Amino acid sequence: MAEGVATAHLSRPSTSIIGLNAANFFLAEVVGVVLPFLNALLRERGWRYDTIGVATSTVGLGVFLFQTPAGMIVDRVRARRLLLALASIVLGFCFGLIPIAATFRAVIFPLLFVAGLSQAFFQPLLGALALALAEHDGMSRMMGQNQAWNHAGNIAAALGAMVLATTFGIESIFLAILAASLLAATSTQLIQQKRMVADASAEARPASRGFVLRDRRAVLLLVSTALFHLANAPVMPMVALDIKRLHGTDAQVAAVVLIAQTVMVPVAYLAGRLGDRFGRKPVTLVGFAALPVRIFLYSLTDKPAVLLALQSLDGIGAGLYGVLVPSMCADITEGKGRFNTLLGMVATAQALGGVLGPLGSGLVLQHLGFKAAFDTYALVALLGAVLFFWKMPETRCPR
């Protein structure tokens, strides 16, 4: 598809695009606010910081173990709408049962693991559906549109969580997550299956899976994203815990998500256009560079209002990253038919950070305190930014 045709197609949203945007919106509500409030709930139930870190890491472990297999499965299956709906419903029920299971540790850890397993399918499935609808030339703008709706869903989730937490208590948030998962599953039915089958069948002769690890760009992207998420994954829950330690309110905990996501909406919407105009690497590098600055600044304050203000930097970094990394995967795999495999491997690298980051943060918080934890993860983020700047080449080919 020519770039002009792709752009025109996106400017007149079809029912399928509306369905995909709605799925992104409601899935963001499912996963967007859960970790800060999971941590807050477990702390209220008397859990130690290090044990809370293990619980958070259990979600990441499920994602990590199943992320690459999920990408490979998505490359092969045709019923992608159904698979996305099932994954959403399973995740919703796992989180919906958390308030009941929080006092039964033998139950809560399996629930969190299955939640992570289900979440592993979201990124490759949403990416596959986006690529099938927009094709390669329209991928960046489609991802920008999808991610803008994703962040809008996070805003709605954060606002809803603030109201629910102050009115009914933290437990009510987990029931709202269950409801959002059912709405996400329903939204997938707006996506036209006929178009998905036609696009999937076009990849009749995909390259071998081994090409991913032989491509230097893919390997560098995997390592860079692992470092990014090793630093980034524990930070939002740590900020939420720090606000609670400083006697902040549940509404302020919800604002940790709300502020970042509000900034992410315009950033994500513009990210695809900026990546097409200036190249993927320089725009993505801004996101990588914002992370160590943000984390280090957290260590310099003990005021909840300042901690919340710094969350705007999260909106810049994550907003750019969420759009352009899938676009870089599409660049690297163009014509090879392994987009979902690489996207799954990138998500596995992210999930590795999602496991190790919270696990390490729980230990550091318990024994060394918040300043040491923020400084440690700022150094990890700086390492990822330097690697991306120094070694990662541009992936977008001139058209």
Protein backbone atom coordinates (compact mmCIF):
# COMPACT_ATOMS: atom_id res chain seq x y z
CA MET A 1 0.00 0.00 0.00
CA ALA A 2 1.37 3.41 -0.90
CA GLU A 3 1.94 5.82 1.95
CA GLY A 4 -0.69 8.24 0.65
CA VAL A 5 -3.29 5.48 0.48
CA ALA A 6 -2.42 4.30 3.98
CA THR A 7 -2.78 7.83 5.34
CA ALA A 8 -6.12 8.31 3.62
CA HIS A 9 -7.33 4.99 4.98
CA LEU A 10 -6.47 6.03 8.54
CA SER A 11 -8.13 9.42 8.12
CA ARG A 12 -11.50 7.69 7.53
CA PRO A 13 -11.74 5.16 10.37
CA SER A 14 -13.56 1.96 9.47
CA THR A 15 -15.54 -0.15 11.90
CA SER A 16 -12.46 -2.37 12.27
CA ILE A 17 -10.25 0.57 13.26
CA ILE A 18 -12.89 1.79 15.71
CA GLY A 19 -13.00 -1.70 17.21
CA LEU A 20 -9.22 -1.86 17.50
CA ASN A 21 -9.08 1.58 19.13
CA ALA A 22 -11.83 0.55 21.55
CA ALA A 23 -9.97 -2.66 22.42
CA ASN A 24 -6.84 -0.60 23.14
CA PHE A 25 -8.91 1.77 25.30
CA PHE A 26 -10.53 -0.92 27.45
CA LEU A 27 -7.43 -3.12 27.73
CA ALA A 28 -5.60 -0.07 29.07
CA GLU A 29 -8.30 0.16 31.74
CA VAL A 30 -7.66 -3.49 32.58
CA VAL A 31 -3.90 -3.17 33.14
CA GLY A 32 -3.30 0.58 33.50
CA VAL A 33 -3.81 1.16 37.23
CA VAL A 34 -3.67 -2.30 38.68
CA LEU A 35 -0.06 -2.48 39.92
CA PRO A 36 -0.04 0.69 42.07
CA PHE A 37 -3.33 -0.33 43.67
CA LEU A 38 -2.26 -3.96 43.99
CA ASN A 39 0.75 -2.75 45.97
CA ALA A 40 -1.39 -0.41 48.07
CA LEU A 41 -3.95 -3.16 48.79
CA LEU A 42 -1.31 -5.68 49.81
CA ARG A 43 0.38 -3.11 52.03
CA GLU A 44 -2.95 -2.41 53.74
CA ARG A 45 -3.29 -6.16 54.34
CA GLY A 46 0.06 -6.17 56.17
CA TRP A 47 2.40 -7.45 53.45
CA ARG A 48 6.12 -6.55 53.65
CA TYR A 49 7.72 -4.47 50.88
CA ASP A 50 9.90 -7.36 49.71
CA THR A 51 6.91 -9.74 49.57
CA ILE A 52 4.92 -7.12 47.65
CA GLY A 53 7.82 -6.98 45.20
CA VAL A 54 7.60 -10.75 44.73
CA ALA A 55 3.85 -10.50 44.10
CA THR A 56 4.32 -7.79 41.47
CA SER A 57 7.11 -9.83 39.88
CA THR A 58 4.78 -12.82 39.62
CA VAL A 59 2.71 -10.93 37.04
CA GLY A 60 5.90 -10.10 35.17
CA LEU A 61 7.04 -13.72 35.36
CA GLY A 62 3.87 -14.90 33.62
CA VAL A 63 4.38 -12.30 30.90
CA PHE A 64 8.07 -13.16 30.56
CA LEU A 65 7.64 -16.92 30.19
CA PHE A 66 4.82 -16.69 27.63
CA GLN A 67 5.65 -13.54 25.67
CA THR A 68 7.84 -15.06 22.94
CA PRO A 69 5.59 -18.16 22.58
CA ALA A 70 2.63 -15.77 22.36
CA GLY A 71 4.25 -13.93 19.45
CA MET A 72 4.94 -17.20 17.64
CA ILE A 73 1.37 -18.36 18.21
CA VAL A 74 -0.02 -15.08 16.86
CA ASP A 75 2.11 -15.49 13.71
CA ARG A 76 0.33 -18.79 13.07
CA VAL A 77 -3.28 -18.36 14.22
CA ARG A 78 -6.06 -16.78 12.20
CA ALA A 79 -8.67 -16.35 14.96
CA ARG A 80 -6.86 -13.37 16.47
CA ARG A 81 -10.03 -11.57 17.57
CA LEU A 82 -11.16 -14.60 19.56
CA LEU A 83 -7.76 -15.08 21.16
CA LEU A 84 -7.63 -11.42 22.22
CA ALA A 85 -11.14 -11.63 23.70
CA LEU A 86 -10.30 -14.79 25.68
CA ALA A 87 -7.04 -13.34 27.01
CA SER A 88 -8.86 -10.20 28.12
CA ILE A 89 -11.59 -12.10 29.96
CA VAL A 90 -9.13 -14.39 31.76
CA LEU A 91 -7.02 -11.43 32.89
CA GLY A 92 -10.10 -9.59 34.11
CA PHE A 93 -11.26 -12.47 36.28
CA CYS A 94 -7.78 -12.97 37.73
CA PHE A 95 -7.60 -9.35 38.89
CA GLY A 96 -11.26 -9.28 39.90
CA LEU A 97 -10.59 -12.02 42.45
CA ILE A 98 -7.59 -10.25 44.03
CA PRO A 99 -9.48 -8.61 46.95
CA ILE A 100 -10.80 -12.02 48.00
CA ALA A 101 -7.46 -13.79 47.50
CA ALA A 102 -5.24 -11.15 49.15
CA THR A 103 -5.33 -12.99 52.48
CA PHE A 104 -4.60 -16.37 50.85
CA ARG A 105 -1.07 -16.29 49.48
CA ALA A 106 -1.36 -19.79 48.04
CA VAL A 107 -4.15 -18.46 45.82
CA ILE A 108 -3.00 -14.94 44.96
CA PHE A 109 0.32 -15.95 43.41
CA PRO A 110 -1.25 -18.38 40.86
CA LEU A 111 -3.86 -15.72 40.01
CA LEU A 112 -1.16 -13.14 39.36
CA PHE A 113 0.85 -15.60 37.26
CA VAL A 114 -2.14 -16.47 35.05
CA ALA A 115 -2.89 -12.75 34.72
CA GLY A 116 0.63 -12.24 33.39
CA LEU A 117 0.27 -15.21 31.03
CA SER A 118 -2.90 -13.69 29.55
CA GLN A 119 -1.35 -10.24 29.29
CA ALA A 120 1.51 -11.72 27.24
CA PHE A 121 -0.86 -12.04 24.28
CA PHE A 122 -2.00 -8.40 24.25
CA GLN A 123 0.97 -6.71 22.58
CA PRO A 124 1.51 -9.18 19.70
CA LEU A 125 -2.23 -9.48 19.05
CA LEU A 126 -2.85 -5.73 19.04
CA GLY A 127 0.26 -5.21 16.91
CA ALA A 128 -0.79 -7.91 14.44
CA LEU A 129 -4.26 -6.44 14.06
CA ALA A 130 -2.82 -2.94 13.59
CA LEU A 131 -0.37 -4.14 10.92
CA ALA A 132 -3.11 -6.07 9.13
CA LEU A 133 -5.33 -2.99 8.97
CA ALA A 134 -2.71 -0.35 8.08
CA GLU A 135 0.04 -2.39 6.36
CA HIS A 136 3.68 -1.32 6.75
CA ASP A 137 3.49 2.21 5.35
CA GLY A 138 0.67 3.16 7.71
CA MET A 139 1.99 1.27 10.74
CA SER A 140 3.55 4.19 12.66
CA ARG A 141 0.46 6.35 12.37
CA MET A 142 -1.83 3.44 13.22
CA MET A 143 0.26 2.68 16.32
CA GLY A 144 0.17 6.36 17.26
CA GLN A 145 -3.61 6.33 17.00
CA ASN A 146 -3.92 3.06 18.92
CA GLN A 147 -1.55 4.19 21.65
CA ALA A 148 -3.37 7.51 22.02
CA TRP A 149 -6.57 5.52 22.70
CA ASN A 150 -4.61 3.22 25.01
CA HIS A 151 -3.43 6.17 27.08
CA ALA A 152 -6.91 7.68 27.04
CA GLY A 153 -8.08 4.39 28.54
CA ASN A 154 -5.46 4.73 31.23
CA ILE A 155 -6.71 8.24 32.00
CA ALA A 156 -10.28 6.96 32.29
CA ALA A 157 -9.03 4.13 34.49
CA ALA A 158 -7.11 6.51 36.75
CA LEU A 159 -10.06 8.91 37.08
CA GLY A 160 -12.40 6.02 37.77
CA ALA A 161 -9.96 4.58 40.30
CA MET A 162 -9.77 7.90 42.14
CA VAL A 163 -13.55 8.02 42.46
CA LEU A 164 -13.88 4.35 43.40
CA ALA A 165 -11.00 4.41 45.91
CA THR A 166 -12.35 7.44 47.76
CA THR A 167 -15.99 6.32 47.62
CA PHE A 168 -15.92 2.53 47.98
CA GLY A 169 -12.31 1.66 48.82
CA ILE A 170 -9.43 0.11 46.89
CA GLU A 171 -11.18 -3.27 46.57
CA SER A 172 -13.81 -1.83 44.21
CA ILE A 173 -11.13 -0.98 41.63
CA PHE A 174 -10.50 -4.65 40.94
CA LEU A 175 -14.17 -5.27 40.13
CA ALA A 176 -14.05 -2.33 37.71
CA ILE A 177 -11.06 -3.97 36.03
CA LEU A 178 -13.15 -7.11 35.50
CA ALA A 179 -15.92 -5.05 33.88
CA ALA A 180 -13.43 -3.32 31.57
CA SER A 181 -12.04 -6.69 30.45
CA LEU A 182 -15.52 -7.75 29.30
CA LEU A 183 -15.93 -4.50 27.34
CA ALA A 184 -12.53 -5.05 25.70
CA ALA A 185 -13.57 -8.55 24.65
CA THR A 186 -16.79 -7.17 23.17
CA SER A 187 -14.88 -4.49 21.23
CA THR A 188 -12.89 -7.11 19.34
CA GLN A 189 -16.06 -8.19 17.56
CA LEU A 190 -16.09 -4.90 15.63
CA ILE A 191 -12.86 -5.89 13.88
CA GLN A 192 -13.61 -7.57 10.56
CA GLN A 193 -12.26 -11.12 10.58
CA LYS A 194 -12.25 -11.34 6.77
CA ARG A 195 -9.58 -8.64 6.52
CA MET A 196 -7.48 -10.31 9.21
CA VAL A 197 -7.50 -13.67 7.40
CA ALA A 198 -6.55 -12.08 4.11
CA ASP A 199 -3.60 -10.23 5.62
CA ALA A 200 -2.41 -13.23 7.62
CA SER A 201 -2.52 -15.55 4.63
CA ALA A 202 -0.32 -13.14 2.68
CA GLU A 203 2.62 -14.27 4.83
CA ALA A 204 2.85 -17.62 3.10
CA ARG A 205 6.64 -17.92 3.20
CA PRO A 206 7.87 -16.33 6.41
CA ALA A 207 11.59 -16.20 7.16
CA SER A 208 13.04 -18.63 9.67
CA ARG A 209 12.76 -17.58 13.31
CA GLY A 210 16.54 -17.59 13.58
CA PHE A 211 16.89 -14.52 11.37
CA VAL A 212 15.78 -12.36 14.31
CA LEU A 213 18.83 -13.26 16.39
CA ARG A 214 21.11 -12.86 13.36
CA ASP A 215 19.95 -9.30 12.76
CA ARG A 216 22.14 -6.90 14.76
CA ARG A 217 19.36 -4.31 14.89
CA ALA A 218 16.97 -6.80 16.45
CA VAL A 219 19.49 -7.90 19.09
CA LEU A 220 20.33 -4.32 20.06
CA LEU A 221 16.63 -3.47 20.25
CA LEU A 222 16.05 -6.46 22.53
CA VAL A 223 18.88 -5.51 24.90
CA SER A 224 17.91 -1.83 24.97
CA THR A 225 14.27 -2.55 25.71
CA ALA A 226 15.23 -5.00 28.46
CA LEU A 227 17.29 -2.29 30.19
CA PHE A 228 14.54 0.29 29.68
CA HIS A 229 11.95 -1.89 31.36
CA LEU A 230 14.30 -3.17 34.06
CA ALA A 231 14.53 0.47 35.14
CA ASN A 232 10.98 1.58 34.30
CA ALA A 233 8.82 -1.33 35.49
CA PRO A 234 9.25 -0.84 39.26
CA VAL A 235 9.20 2.96 39.24
CA MET A 236 5.47 3.70 39.12
CA PRO A 237 4.70 1.23 41.95
CA MET A 238 7.64 2.68 43.93
CA VAL A 239 6.30 6.21 43.48
CA ALA A 240 2.88 5.03 44.67
CA LEU A 241 4.45 3.43 47.74
CA ASP A 242 6.54 6.54 48.41
CA ILE A 243 3.43 8.70 48.30
CA LYS A 244 1.72 6.38 50.79
CA ARG A 245 4.85 6.49 53.00
CA LEU A 246 4.64 10.30 52.94
CA HIS A 247 0.98 10.08 54.06
CA GLY A 248 -0.46 10.83 50.63
CA THR A 249 -4.05 9.96 49.75
CA ASP A 250 -5.47 7.19 47.57
CA ALA A 251 -6.46 9.92 45.09
CA GLN A 252 -2.79 10.91 44.84
CA VAL A 253 -1.87 7.27 44.20
CA ALA A 254 -4.34 7.24 41.30
CA ALA A 255 -2.85 10.52 40.06
CA VAL A 256 0.49 8.73 39.61
CA VAL A 257 -1.12 7.01 36.62
CA LEU A 258 -3.39 9.88 35.61
CA ILE A 259 -0.70 12.53 35.13
CA ALA A 260 1.58 10.30 33.07
CA GLN A 261 -1.23 9.05 30.87
CA THR A 262 -2.59 12.54 30.24
CA VAL A 263 0.77 13.56 28.79
CA MET A 264 1.04 10.30 26.82
CA VAL A 265 -2.10 10.93 24.74
CA PRO A 266 -0.76 13.83 22.63
CA VAL A 267 2.78 12.44 22.69
CA ALA A 268 1.65 9.05 21.35
CA TYR A 269 -0.57 10.65 18.72
CA LEU A 270 2.37 12.71 17.41
CA ALA A 271 5.02 10.01 17.84
CA GLY A 272 4.18 8.13 14.64
CA ARG A 273 4.32 11.29 12.55
CA LEU A 274 7.57 12.40 14.19
CA GLY A 275 9.10 8.97 13.60
CA ASP A 276 8.14 9.08 9.93
CA ARG A 277 9.56 12.58 9.53
CA PHE A 278 12.77 12.50 11.60
CA GLY A 279 13.48 8.76 11.81
CA ARG A 280 12.73 6.17 14.47
CA LYS A 281 16.02 6.38 16.37
CA PRO A 282 16.24 10.10 17.26
CA VAL A 283 12.62 10.29 18.40
CA THR A 284 12.84 7.06 20.41
CA LEU A 285 16.09 8.27 21.98
CA VAL A 286 14.19 11.16 23.57
CA GLY A 287 12.08 8.57 25.40
CA PHE A 288 15.14 6.63 26.51
CA ALA A 289 16.83 9.82 27.77
CA ALA A 290 13.79 11.03 29.73
CA LEU A 291 13.75 7.89 31.90
CA PRO A 292 17.02 8.26 33.90
CA VAL A 293 16.36 11.97 34.42
CA ARG A 294 12.90 11.26 35.85
CA ILE A 295 14.01 8.46 38.17
CA PHE A 296 16.97 10.43 39.54
CA LEU A 297 14.78 13.45 40.28
CA TYR A 298 12.44 11.26 42.37
CA SER A 299 15.32 10.64 44.78
CA LEU A 300 15.71 14.38 45.45
CA THR A 301 12.25 15.06 46.91
CA ASP A 302 10.03 13.97 49.77
CA LYS A 303 6.96 15.93 48.69
CA PRO A 304 4.04 14.02 47.11
CA ALA A 305 3.16 17.00 44.90
CA VAL A 306 6.65 17.05 43.37
CA LEU A 307 6.62 13.28 42.86
CA LEU A 308 3.37 13.66 40.94
CA ALA A 309 4.68 16.55 38.84
CA LEU A 310 7.65 14.43 37.75
CA GLN A 311 5.24 11.85 36.36
CA SER A 312 4.82 14.13 33.33
CA LEU A 313 8.27 12.94 32.19
CA ASP A 314 6.92 9.39 32.24
CA GLY A 315 4.31 10.53 29.75
CA ILE A 316 6.98 11.73 27.33
CA GLY A 317 9.23 8.68 27.61
CA ALA A 318 6.60 5.96 27.57
CA GLY A 319 4.46 7.78 24.99
CA LEU A 320 7.28 7.80 22.44
CA TYR A 321 8.51 4.32 23.32
CA GLY A 322 5.11 2.63 23.04
CA VAL A 323 4.56 3.81 19.47
CA LEU A 324 8.02 3.66 17.94
CA VAL A 325 9.38 0.34 19.25
CA PRO A 326 6.61 -1.65 17.47
CA SER A 327 7.29 0.47 14.37
CA MET A 328 10.97 -0.45 14.57
CA CYS A 329 9.96 -4.12 14.79
CA ALA A 330 7.86 -3.67 11.64
CA ASP A 331 10.84 -2.04 9.88
CA ILE A 332 13.21 -4.86 10.80
CA THR A 333 10.83 -7.65 9.76
CA GLU A 334 9.33 -6.04 6.64
CA GLY A 335 8.92 -8.71 3.97
CA LYS A 336 10.02 -11.50 6.33
CA GLY A 337 6.67 -12.37 7.93
CA ARG A 338 8.00 -12.49 11.51
CA PHE A 339 6.68 -9.22 12.91
CA ASN A 340 4.74 -10.86 15.75
CA THR A 341 7.67 -13.12 16.63
CA LEU A 342 10.03 -10.14 17.01
CA LEU A 343 7.40 -8.09 18.79
CA GLY A 344 6.88 -11.02 21.15
CA MET A 345 10.63 -11.25 21.78
CA VAL A 346 10.80 -7.51 22.48
CA ALA A 347 7.90 -7.89 24.88
CA THR A 348 9.77 -10.80 26.51
CA ALA A 349 12.74 -8.49 27.03
CA GLN A 350 10.35 -5.97 28.56
CA ALA A 351 8.82 -8.67 30.74
CA LEU A 352 12.27 -9.71 31.96
CA GLY A 353 12.59 -6.18 33.29
CA GLY A 354 9.07 -6.51 34.66
CA VAL A 355 10.18 -9.53 36.72
CA LEU A 356 13.63 -8.44 37.87
CA GLY A 357 12.82 -4.75 38.35
CA PRO A 358 10.05 -5.09 40.98
CA LEU A 359 11.83 -8.01 42.65
CA GLY A 360 14.99 -5.95 43.07
CA SER A 361 13.10 -2.83 44.08
CA GLY A 362 11.32 -4.68 46.87
CA LEU A 363 14.62 -5.85 48.33
CA VAL A 364 16.29 -2.43 48.01
CA LEU A 365 13.28 -0.64 49.51
CA GLN A 366 13.09 -3.03 52.44
CA HIS A 367 16.77 -2.78 53.35
CA LEU A 368 18.14 0.51 51.93
CA GLY A 369 15.16 2.81 51.43
CA PHE A 370 13.59 4.82 48.62
CA LYS A 371 16.52 7.09 47.72
CA ALA A 372 18.84 4.13 47.14
CA ALA A 373 16.18 2.39 45.04
CA PHE A 374 15.59 5.42 42.81
CA ASP A 375 19.33 6.04 42.35
CA THR A 376 19.92 2.38 41.44
CA TYR A 377 17.26 2.32 38.74
CA ALA A 378 18.35 5.71 37.38
CA LEU A 379 21.76 4.17 36.68
CA VAL A 380 20.17 1.19 34.91
CA ALA A 381 18.07 3.55 32.78
CA LEU A 382 21.16 5.59 31.90
CA LEU A 383 22.93 2.44 30.72
CA GLY A 384 20.02 1.62 28.40
CA ALA A 385 19.94 5.14 26.97
CA VAL A 386 23.69 5.16 26.30
CA LEU A 387 23.53 1.75 24.59
CA PHE A 388 20.63 2.83 22.37
CA PHE A 389 22.37 6.09 21.43
CA TRP A 390 25.77 4.51 20.79
CA LYS A 391 24.91 1.27 19.00
CA MET A 392 21.34 1.21 17.69
CA PRO A 393 21.09 2.11 13.96
CA GLU A 394 18.15 3.77 12.25
CA THR A 395 15.62 1.15 11.09
CA ARG A 396 13.39 3.17 8.77
CA CYS A 397 14.28 2.83 5.11
CA PRO A 398 13.73 5.86 2.84
CA ARG A 399 10.56 5.52 0.73
